[in-house]
Amino acid sequence: MATPYSSNSNPFADPSNENPFESSASIPSKYTQPSITDREAALNAREVELARREREVADAGVLMNNWPKFYPLIHHDISTAIPHESQATVTRLFQIWLALVATLLFNLLGCIFLLIAGASNGGSDMIASIVYVPFITLGSFFLWYRPIYWAYAKEYAIFYYIYFVFGGIHVAFSIYMAIGIPSTGSAGLINTIEMFAQSHILAAVFGVISSVGWVFQALFSLAWYKLIWAHHNSKGHTMEKAKGEVAQQGFWMYLTKMSKV
């Protein structure tokens, strides 16, 4: 008669410790999780493939939009478009433009506080400062920063002269805004002094920040203007050369190129 236990089994063992689902067979490999090394290798392979595609696109003469990062509209890459010896100059110009955007925003806040403080021309200042933010931001980018970016990238004389015109206007505008004449949309010096005199400290503080920003714009823009003028002369660019470029390809062709690069 057969017994429930073999001679080698332990009749006192707890059967609850036995796992009825446990199997000596290994889990099929298709259900195993990839290791960290495998994931890193896959990620590196994707990055290599993406870089390869970007090089193919660039070799074909098509530049992918990459700026601004949150919503790419144009291609902007100082490290690849600008010769190495000029990258520092163009980088500083880009930083000056970014500082301009920040100055416009602080100027807007200053004008809002002018209105809150009861300045006689506070309403006019606030409305004008609101208009400045989009128009000056876009105008400065496409009328003086973008031309000089393209000028250094390809050394076209026409773009140096576009920059000299609108870069000079930018310097004059910065001086004008630093003065802070009431009703002009500036929270500059005159408005700032008036706020301090009336003990409106918050409006005065934003006025100081705005005034410093405009003075910074005027001084640094003028310094780089002179530096670019010297570079333009060293490269032998002349008005006659710029006219020849326009006559050869047409001014609209240059504007089209500037908007794409």
C-alpha atoms as a PDB file:
ATOM      1  CA  MET A   1       0.000   0.000   0.000  1.00  0.00           C
ATOM      2  CA  ALA A   2       1.426   3.371  -1.063  1.00  0.00           C
ATOM      3  CA  THR A   3       2.081   6.030   1.523  1.00  0.00           C
ATOM      4  CA  PRO A   4       1.642   9.804   0.913  1.00  0.00           C
ATOM      5  CA  TYR A   5       5.290  10.470   1.770  1.00  0.00           C
ATOM      6  CA  SER A   6       8.407   9.039   0.243  1.00  0.00           C
ATOM      7  CA  SER A   7      11.196   7.823   2.399  1.00  0.00           C
ATOM      8  CA  ASN A   8      13.112  11.040   1.743  1.00  0.00           C
ATOM      9  CA  SER A   9      10.300  13.448   2.503  1.00  0.00           C
ATOM     10  CA  ASN A  10       9.809  15.285   5.804  1.00  0.00           C
ATOM     11  CA  PRO A  11       6.392  14.487   7.234  1.00  0.00           C
ATOM     12  CA  PHE A  12       6.663  17.500   9.601  1.00  0.00           C
ATOM     13  CA  ALA A  13       7.390  20.101   6.859  1.00  0.00           C
ATOM     14  CA  ASP A  14       4.919  22.972   6.527  1.00  0.00           C
ATOM     15  CA  PRO A  15       3.178  22.598   3.178  1.00  0.00           C
ATOM     16  CA  SER A  16       2.241  26.348   3.223  1.00  0.00           C
ATOM     17  CA  ASN A  17       5.875  27.248   2.512  1.00  0.00           C
ATOM     18  CA  GLU A  18       5.689  25.545  -0.804  1.00  0.00           C
ATOM     19  CA  ASN A  19       4.956  27.822  -3.782  1.00  0.00           C
ATOM     20  CA  PRO A  20       2.741  25.944  -6.218  1.00  0.00           C
ATOM     21  CA  PHE A  21       3.583  28.508  -8.932  1.00  0.00           C
ATOM     22  CA  GLU A  22       7.326  28.249  -8.494  1.00  0.00           C
ATOM     23  CA  SER A  23       9.031  26.563 -11.343  1.00  0.00           C
ATOM     24  CA  SER A  24      12.580  25.629 -11.885  1.00  0.00           C
ATOM     25  CA  ALA A  25      12.235  26.776 -15.477  1.00  0.00           C
ATOM     26  CA  SER A  26      13.595  30.245 -16.114  1.00  0.00           C
ATOM     27  CA  ILE A  27      11.335  33.088 -17.228  1.00  0.00           C
ATOM     28  CA  PRO A  28      11.414  33.514 -21.006  1.00  0.00           C
ATOM     29  CA  SER A  29      13.827  36.245 -22.058  1.00  0.00           C
ATOM     30  CA  LYS A  30      11.110  38.241 -23.831  1.00  0.00           C
ATOM     31  CA  TYR A  31       9.587  39.089 -20.447  1.00  0.00           C
ATOM     32  CA  THR A  32      12.837  40.329 -18.849  1.00  0.00           C
ATOM     33  CA  GLN A  33      13.414  44.062 -18.365  1.00  0.00           C
ATOM     34  CA  PRO A  34      16.290  45.594 -20.359  1.00  0.00           C
ATOM     35  CA  SER A  35      19.321  46.505 -18.310  1.00  0.00           C
ATOM     36  CA  ILE A  36      20.463  50.081 -17.730  1.00  0.00           C
ATOM     37  CA  THR A  37      23.377  49.464 -20.083  1.00  0.00           C
ATOM     38  CA  ASP A  38      21.015  48.339 -22.844  1.00  0.00           C
ATOM     39  CA  ARG A  39      18.840  51.415 -22.355  1.00  0.00           C
ATOM     40  CA  GLU A  40      21.864  53.731 -22.479  1.00  0.00           C
ATOM     41  CA  ALA A  41      23.060  52.030 -25.649  1.00  0.00           C
ATOM     42  CA  ALA A  42      19.641  52.480 -27.271  1.00  0.00           C
ATOM     43  CA  LEU A  43      19.541  56.142 -26.247  1.00  0.00           C
ATOM     44  CA  ASN A  44      23.027  56.762 -27.626  1.00  0.00           C
ATOM     45  CA  ALA A  45      22.045  55.069 -30.874  1.00  0.00           C
ATOM     46  CA  ARG A  46      19.038  57.377 -31.194  1.00  0.00           C
ATOM     47  CA  GLU A  47      21.208  60.452 -30.554  1.00  0.00           C
ATOM     48  CA  VAL A  48      23.689  59.324 -33.198  1.00  0.00           C
ATOM     49  CA  GLU A  49      20.871  58.787 -35.683  1.00  0.00           C
ATOM     50  CA  LEU A  50      19.375  62.201 -34.922  1.00  0.00           C
ATOM     51  CA  ALA A  51      22.760  63.880 -35.379  1.00  0.00           C
ATOM     52  CA  ARG A  52      23.200  62.022 -38.680  1.00  0.00           C
ATOM     53  CA  ARG A  53      19.823  63.259 -39.942  1.00  0.00           C
ATOM     54  CA  GLU A  54      20.620  66.831 -38.902  1.00  0.00           C
ATOM     55  CA  ARG A  55      23.930  66.655 -40.812  1.00  0.00           C
ATOM     56  CA  GLU A  56      22.142  65.347 -43.894  1.00  0.00           C
ATOM     57  CA  VAL A  57      19.634  68.186 -43.708  1.00  0.00           C
ATOM     58  CA  ALA A  58      22.420  70.754 -43.254  1.00  0.00           C
ATOM     59  CA  ASP A  59      24.418  69.277 -46.170  1.00  0.00           C
ATOM     60  CA  ALA A  60      21.321  69.599 -48.330  1.00  0.00           C
ATOM     61  CA  GLY A  61      21.253  73.330 -47.554  1.00  0.00           C
ATOM     62  CA  VAL A  62      18.134  73.162 -45.390  1.00  0.00           C
ATOM     63  CA  LEU A  63      18.516  74.456 -41.836  1.00  0.00           C
ATOM     64  CA  MET A  64      16.066  73.239 -39.233  1.00  0.00           C
ATOM     65  CA  ASN A  65      14.297  75.821 -37.092  1.00  0.00           C
ATOM     66  CA  ASN A  66      15.633  75.631 -33.547  1.00  0.00           C
ATOM     67  CA  TRP A  67      14.867  79.001 -31.911  1.00  0.00           C
ATOM     68  CA  PRO A  68      13.162  79.955 -29.705  1.00  0.00           C
ATOM     69  CA  LYS A  69      13.338  76.587 -27.983  1.00  0.00           C
ATOM     70  CA  PHE A  70       9.710  76.555 -26.838  1.00  0.00           C
ATOM     71  CA  TYR A  71       8.373  77.247 -30.360  1.00  0.00           C
ATOM     72  CA  PRO A  72      11.085  77.121 -33.058  1.00  0.00           C
ATOM     73  CA  LEU A  73      10.487  79.681 -35.798  1.00  0.00           C
ATOM     74  CA  ILE A  74      13.973  80.302 -37.201  1.00  0.00           C
ATOM     75  CA  HIS A  75      17.412  78.738 -37.265  1.00  0.00           C
ATOM     76  CA  HIS A  76      19.836  80.374 -34.830  1.00  0.00           C
ATOM     77  CA  ASP A  77      23.165  78.752 -34.026  1.00  0.00           C
ATOM     78  CA  ILE A  78      26.147  81.006 -33.377  1.00  0.00           C
ATOM     79  CA  SER A  79      28.520  78.079 -32.822  1.00  0.00           C
ATOM     80  CA  THR A  80      28.056  76.738 -36.359  1.00  0.00           C
ATOM     81  CA  ALA A  81      26.978  79.754 -38.436  1.00  0.00           C
ATOM     82  CA  ILE A  82      29.571  82.267 -37.216  1.00  0.00           C
ATOM     83  CA  PRO A  83      33.356  81.895 -37.736  1.00  0.00           C
ATOM     84  CA  HIS A  84      35.155  81.030 -34.522  1.00  0.00           C
ATOM     85  CA  GLU A  85      37.034  84.336 -34.282  1.00  0.00           C
ATOM     86  CA  SER A  86      33.749  86.300 -34.400  1.00  0.00           C
ATOM     87  CA  GLN A  87      31.586  84.122 -32.178  1.00  0.00           C
ATOM     88  CA  ALA A  88      32.338  86.111 -29.015  1.00  0.00           C
ATOM     89  CA  THR A  89      31.246  89.371 -30.690  1.00  0.00           C
ATOM     90  CA  VAL A  90      27.953  87.953 -31.969  1.00  0.00           C
ATOM     91  CA  THR A  91      27.309  86.209 -28.644  1.00  0.00           C
ATOM     92  CA  ARG A  92      27.671  89.531 -26.794  1.00  0.00           C
ATOM     93  CA  LEU A  93      25.292  91.184 -29.252  1.00  0.00           C
ATOM     94  CA  PHE A  94      22.759  88.440 -28.632  1.00  0.00           C
ATOM     95  CA  GLN A  95      23.144  88.960 -24.879  1.00  0.00           C
ATOM     96  CA  ILE A  96      22.598  92.706 -25.376  1.00  0.00           C
ATOM     97  CA  TRP A  97      19.388  91.890 -27.233  1.00  0.00           C
ATOM     98  CA  LEU A  98      18.231  89.579 -24.427  1.00  0.00           C
ATOM     99  CA  ALA A  99      18.992  92.353 -21.932  1.00  0.00           C
ATOM    100  CA  LEU A 100      16.871  94.687 -24.068  1.00  0.00           C
ATOM    101  CA  VAL A 101      13.878  92.346 -23.752  1.00  0.00           C
ATOM    102  CA  ALA A 102      14.350  92.251 -19.968  1.00  0.00           C
ATOM    103  CA  THR A 103      14.639  96.057 -19.876  1.00  0.00           C
ATOM    104  CA  LEU A 104      11.386  96.435 -21.808  1.00  0.00           C
ATOM    105  CA  LEU A 105       9.596  94.212 -19.298  1.00  0.00           C
ATOM    106  CA  PHE A 106      10.986  96.101 -16.280  1.00  0.00           C
ATOM    107  CA  ASN A 107      10.096  99.358 -18.011  1.00  0.00           C
ATOM    108  CA  LEU A 108       6.523  98.094 -18.429  1.00  0.00           C
ATOM    109  CA  LEU A 109       6.319  97.231 -14.729  1.00  0.00           C
ATOM    110  CA  GLY A 110       7.741 100.638 -13.855  1.00  0.00           C
ATOM    111  CA  CYS A 111       5.079 102.377 -15.939  1.00  0.00           C
ATOM    112  CA  ILE A 112       2.346 100.288 -14.339  1.00  0.00           C
ATOM    113  CA  PHE A 113       3.549 101.438 -10.925  1.00  0.00           C
ATOM    114  CA  LEU A 114       3.683 105.020 -12.216  1.00  0.00           C
ATOM    115  CA  LEU A 115      -0.026 104.730 -12.984  1.00  0.00           C
ATOM    116  CA  ILE A 116      -0.769 103.155  -9.608  1.00  0.00           C
ATOM    117  CA  ALA A 117       1.212 105.912  -7.876  1.00  0.00           C
ATOM    118  CA  GLY A 118      -0.984 108.521  -9.540  1.00  0.00           C
ATOM    119  CA  ALA A 119       1.532 110.033 -11.969  1.00  0.00           C
ATOM    120  CA  SER A 120      -0.146 112.688 -14.136  1.00  0.00           C
ATOM    121  CA  ASN A 121       0.908 110.895 -17.342  1.00  0.00           C
ATOM    122  CA  GLY A 122       0.794 107.388 -15.928  1.00  0.00           C
ATOM    123  CA  GLY A 123      -1.877 106.186 -18.362  1.00  0.00           C
ATOM    124  CA  SER A 124       0.025 107.349 -21.434  1.00  0.00           C
ATOM    125  CA  ASP A 125       3.256 105.876 -20.113  1.00  0.00           C
ATOM    126  CA  MET A 126       1.673 102.487 -19.442  1.00  0.00           C
ATOM    127  CA  ILE A 127      -0.024 102.240 -22.860  1.00  0.00           C
ATOM    128  CA  ALA A 128       3.163 103.213 -24.688  1.00  0.00           C
ATOM    129  CA  SER A 129       5.250 100.776 -22.640  1.00  0.00           C
ATOM    130  CA  ILE A 130       2.831  97.944 -23.505  1.00  0.00           C
ATOM    131  CA  VAL A 131       3.192  98.744 -27.212  1.00  0.00           C
ATOM    132  CA  TYR A 132       6.991  98.822 -26.908  1.00  0.00           C
ATOM    133  CA  VAL A 133       7.261  95.225 -25.662  1.00  0.00           C
ATOM    134  CA  PRO A 134       6.219  93.370 -28.859  1.00  0.00           C
ATOM    135  CA  PHE A 135       7.247  96.028 -31.388  1.00  0.00           C
ATOM    136  CA  ILE A 136      10.706  96.837 -30.024  1.00  0.00           C
ATOM    137  CA  THR A 137      11.420  93.180 -29.257  1.00  0.00           C
ATOM    138  CA  LEU A 138      10.660  92.008 -32.802  1.00  0.00           C
ATOM    139  CA  GLY A 139      11.927  95.147 -34.513  1.00  0.00           C
ATOM    140  CA  SER A 140      15.299  95.055 -32.777  1.00  0.00           C
ATOM    141  CA  PHE A 141      15.739  91.360 -33.484  1.00  0.00           C
ATOM    142  CA  PHE A 142      15.033  91.580 -37.209  1.00  0.00           C
ATOM    143  CA  LEU A 143      16.378  95.058 -37.901  1.00  0.00           C
ATOM    144  CA  TRP A 144      19.731  95.100 -36.125  1.00  0.00           C
ATOM    145  CA  TYR A 145      20.544  91.770 -34.424  1.00  0.00           C
ATOM    146  CA  ARG A 146      19.581  89.457 -37.279  1.00  0.00           C
ATOM    147  CA  PRO A 147      21.389  91.515 -39.960  1.00  0.00           C
ATOM    148  CA  ILE A 148      24.660  91.538 -38.011  1.00  0.00           C
ATOM    149  CA  TYR A 149      24.316  87.806 -37.305  1.00  0.00           C
ATOM    150  CA  TRP A 150      24.005  87.215 -41.048  1.00  0.00           C
ATOM    151  CA  ALA A 151      26.750  89.734 -41.837  1.00  0.00           C
ATOM    152  CA  TYR A 152      29.276  87.867 -39.690  1.00  0.00           C
ATOM    153  CA  ALA A 153      28.045  84.509 -41.003  1.00  0.00           C
ATOM    154  CA  LYS A 154      28.550  85.332 -44.709  1.00  0.00           C
ATOM    155  CA  GLU A 155      30.389  88.692 -44.741  1.00  0.00           C
ATOM    156  CA  TYR A 156      27.824  90.443 -46.935  1.00  0.00           C
ATOM    157  CA  ALA A 157      28.383  94.209 -46.907  1.00  0.00           C
ATOM    158  CA  ILE A 158      24.692  95.063 -47.246  1.00  0.00           C
ATOM    159  CA  PHE A 159      23.875  93.571 -43.857  1.00  0.00           C
ATOM    160  CA  TYR A 160      26.564  95.609 -42.123  1.00  0.00           C
ATOM    161  CA  TYR A 161      24.937  98.766 -43.437  1.00  0.00           C
ATOM    162  CA  ILE A 162      21.465  97.624 -42.368  1.00  0.00           C
ATOM    163  CA  TYR A 163      22.903  97.095 -38.892  1.00  0.00           C
ATOM    164  CA  PHE A 164      24.629 100.477 -38.869  1.00  0.00           C
ATOM    165  CA  VAL A 165      21.333 102.243 -39.636  1.00  0.00           C
ATOM    166  CA  PHE A 166      19.103 100.417 -37.177  1.00  0.00           C
ATOM    167  CA  GLY A 167      21.820  99.815 -34.581  1.00  0.00           C
ATOM    168  CA  GLY A 168      22.387 103.571 -34.500  1.00  0.00           C
ATOM    169  CA  ILE A 169      18.653 104.157 -34.085  1.00  0.00           C
ATOM    170  CA  HIS A 170      18.696 101.686 -31.202  1.00  0.00           C
ATOM    171  CA  VAL A 171      21.458 103.610 -29.416  1.00  0.00           C
ATOM    172  CA  ALA A 172      19.519 106.898 -29.810  1.00  0.00           C
ATOM    173  CA  PHE A 173      16.279 105.247 -28.644  1.00  0.00           C
ATOM    174  CA  SER A 174      18.026 103.842 -25.553  1.00  0.00           C
ATOM    175  CA  ILE A 175      19.307 107.305 -24.590  1.00  0.00           C
ATOM    176  CA  TYR A 176      15.823 108.725 -25.150  1.00  0.00           C
ATOM    177  CA  MET A 177      14.254 106.052 -22.921  1.00  0.00           C
ATOM    178  CA  ALA A 178      16.900 106.487 -20.211  1.00  0.00           C
ATOM    179  CA  ILE A 179      15.883 110.156 -19.844  1.00  0.00           C
ATOM    180  CA  GLY A 180      12.351 109.109 -18.907  1.00  0.00           C
ATOM    181  CA  ILE A 181      10.308 112.006 -20.279  1.00  0.00           C
ATOM    182  CA  PRO A 182       6.720 111.740 -18.953  1.00  0.00           C
ATOM    183  CA  SER A 183       4.073 110.356 -21.352  1.00  0.00           C
ATOM    184  CA  THR A 184       6.707 108.704 -23.590  1.00  0.00           C
ATOM    185  CA  GLY A 185       6.328 105.193 -22.182  1.00  0.00           C
ATOM    186  CA  SER A 186       9.564 105.327 -20.221  1.00  0.00           C
ATOM    187  CA  ALA A 187      10.065 104.827 -16.502  1.00  0.00           C
ATOM    188  CA  GLY A 188      13.483 106.458 -16.837  1.00  0.00           C
ATOM    189  CA  LEU A 189      15.306 109.117 -14.861  1.00  0.00           C
ATOM    190  CA  ILE A 190      12.799 112.010 -14.838  1.00  0.00           C
ATOM    191  CA  ASN A 191       9.889 109.791 -13.847  1.00  0.00           C
ATOM    192  CA  THR A 192      12.083 107.969 -11.322  1.00  0.00           C
ATOM    193  CA  ILE A 193      13.175 111.207  -9.620  1.00  0.00           C
ATOM    194  CA  GLU A 194       9.549 112.322  -9.461  1.00  0.00           C
ATOM    195  CA  MET A 195       8.549 109.041  -7.777  1.00  0.00           C
ATOM    196  CA  PHE A 196      11.324 109.373  -5.186  1.00  0.00           C
ATOM    197  CA  ALA A 197      10.239 112.963  -4.513  1.00  0.00           C
ATOM    198  CA  GLN A 198       6.680 111.768  -3.869  1.00  0.00           C
ATOM    199  CA  SER A 199       7.857 108.808  -1.736  1.00  0.00           C
ATOM    200  CA  HIS A 200       6.440 106.211  -4.109  1.00  0.00           C
ATOM    201  CA  ILE A 201       9.312 103.834  -3.396  1.00  0.00           C
ATOM    202  CA  LEU A 202       8.127 100.776  -5.372  1.00  0.00           C
ATOM    203  CA  ALA A 203       7.579 102.800  -8.537  1.00  0.00           C
ATOM    204  CA  ALA A 204      10.935 104.521  -7.966  1.00  0.00           C
ATOM    205  CA  VAL A 205      12.782 101.195  -7.572  1.00  0.00           C
ATOM    206  CA  PHE A 206      11.415  99.849 -10.852  1.00  0.00           C
ATOM    207  CA  GLY A 207      12.288 103.194 -12.407  1.00  0.00           C
ATOM    208  CA  VAL A 208      15.889 102.798 -11.259  1.00  0.00           C
ATOM    209  CA  ILE A 209      16.068  99.287 -12.726  1.00  0.00           C
ATOM    210  CA  SER A 210      14.600 100.522 -15.992  1.00  0.00           C
ATOM    211  CA  SER A 211      16.955 103.519 -16.137  1.00  0.00           C
ATOM    212  CA  VAL A 212      20.003 101.322 -15.520  1.00  0.00           C
ATOM    213  CA  GLY A 213      18.812  98.949 -18.231  1.00  0.00           C
ATOM    214  CA  TRP A 214      18.495 101.736 -20.800  1.00  0.00           C
ATOM    215  CA  VAL A 215      21.888 103.201 -19.883  1.00  0.00           C
ATOM    216  CA  PHE A 216      23.371  99.701 -20.263  1.00  0.00           C
ATOM    217  CA  GLN A 217      21.747  99.401 -23.694  1.00  0.00           C
ATOM    218  CA  ALA A 218      23.111 102.753 -24.842  1.00  0.00           C
ATOM    219  CA  LEU A 219      26.679 102.229 -23.604  1.00  0.00           C
ATOM    220  CA  PHE A 220      27.194  98.605 -24.625  1.00  0.00           C
ATOM    221  CA  SER A 221      25.388  98.969 -27.950  1.00  0.00           C
ATOM    222  CA  LEU A 222      27.600 101.966 -28.774  1.00  0.00           C
ATOM    223  CA  ALA A 223      30.748 100.048 -27.770  1.00  0.00           C
ATOM    224  CA  TRP A 224      29.862  97.093 -29.996  1.00  0.00           C
ATOM    225  CA  TYR A 225      28.784  99.458 -32.771  1.00  0.00           C
ATOM    226  CA  LYS A 226      32.326 100.877 -32.860  1.00  0.00           C
ATOM    227  CA  LEU A 227      33.841  97.376 -32.712  1.00  0.00           C
ATOM    228  CA  ILE A 228      31.688  96.197 -35.630  1.00  0.00           C
ATOM    229  CA  TRP A 229      32.516  99.333 -37.607  1.00  0.00           C
ATOM    230  CA  ALA A 230      36.222  98.552 -37.229  1.00  0.00           C
ATOM    231  CA  HIS A 231      35.653  94.916 -38.266  1.00  0.00           C
ATOM    232  CA  HIS A 232      33.636  96.020 -41.297  1.00  0.00           C
ATOM    233  CA  ASN A 233      36.476  98.317 -42.380  1.00  0.00           C
ATOM    234  CA  SER A 234      39.084  95.587 -41.887  1.00  0.00           C
ATOM    235  CA  LYS A 235      37.132  93.313 -44.237  1.00  0.00           C
ATOM    236  CA  GLY A 236      37.085  95.969 -46.953  1.00  0.00           C
ATOM    237  CA  HIS A 237      33.325  96.415 -47.065  1.00  0.00           C
ATOM    238  CA  THR A 238      32.129  99.596 -48.766  1.00  0.00           C
ATOM    239  CA  MET A 239      28.819 101.146 -49.768  1.00  0.00           C
ATOM    240  CA  GLU A 240      29.714 100.459 -53.409  1.00  0.00           C
ATOM    241  CA  LYS A 241      30.179  96.784 -52.578  1.00  0.00           C
ATOM    242  CA  ALA A 242      26.805  96.712 -50.808  1.00  0.00           C
ATOM    243  CA  LYS A 243      25.127  98.337 -53.825  1.00  0.00           C
ATOM    244  CA  GLY A 244      26.736  95.761 -56.078  1.00  0.00           C
ATOM    245  CA  GLU A 245      25.405  92.915 -53.950  1.00  0.00           C
ATOM    246  CA  VAL A 246      21.887  94.328 -54.095  1.00  0.00           C
ATOM    247  CA  ALA A 247      22.135  94.906 -57.860  1.00  0.00           C
ATOM    248  CA  GLN A 248      23.322  91.346 -58.392  1.00  0.00           C
ATOM    249  CA  GLN A 249      20.753  89.465 -56.308  1.00  0.00           C
ATOM    250  CA  GLY A 250      18.103  91.995 -55.370  1.00  0.00           C
ATOM    251  CA  PHE A 251      17.363  93.366 -51.922  1.00  0.00           C
ATOM    252  CA  TRP A 252      14.400  91.030 -51.409  1.00  0.00           C
ATOM    253  CA  MET A 253      16.707  88.037 -51.873  1.00  0.00           C
ATOM    254  CA  TYR A 254      18.815  89.213 -48.940  1.00  0.00           C
ATOM    255  CA  LEU A 255      15.775  89.748 -46.757  1.00  0.00           C
ATOM    256  CA  THR A 256      14.582  86.232 -47.573  1.00  0.00           C
ATOM    257  CA  LYS A 257      17.950  84.754 -46.667  1.00  0.00           C
ATOM    258  CA  MET A 258      18.079  86.741 -43.441  1.00  0.00           C
ATOM    259  CA  SER A 259      14.699  85.372 -42.334  1.00  0.00           C
ATOM    260  CA  LYS A 260      15.760  81.766 -42.907  1.00  0.00           C
ATOM    261  CA  VAL A 261      19.232  81.602 -41.391  1.00  0.00           C
END
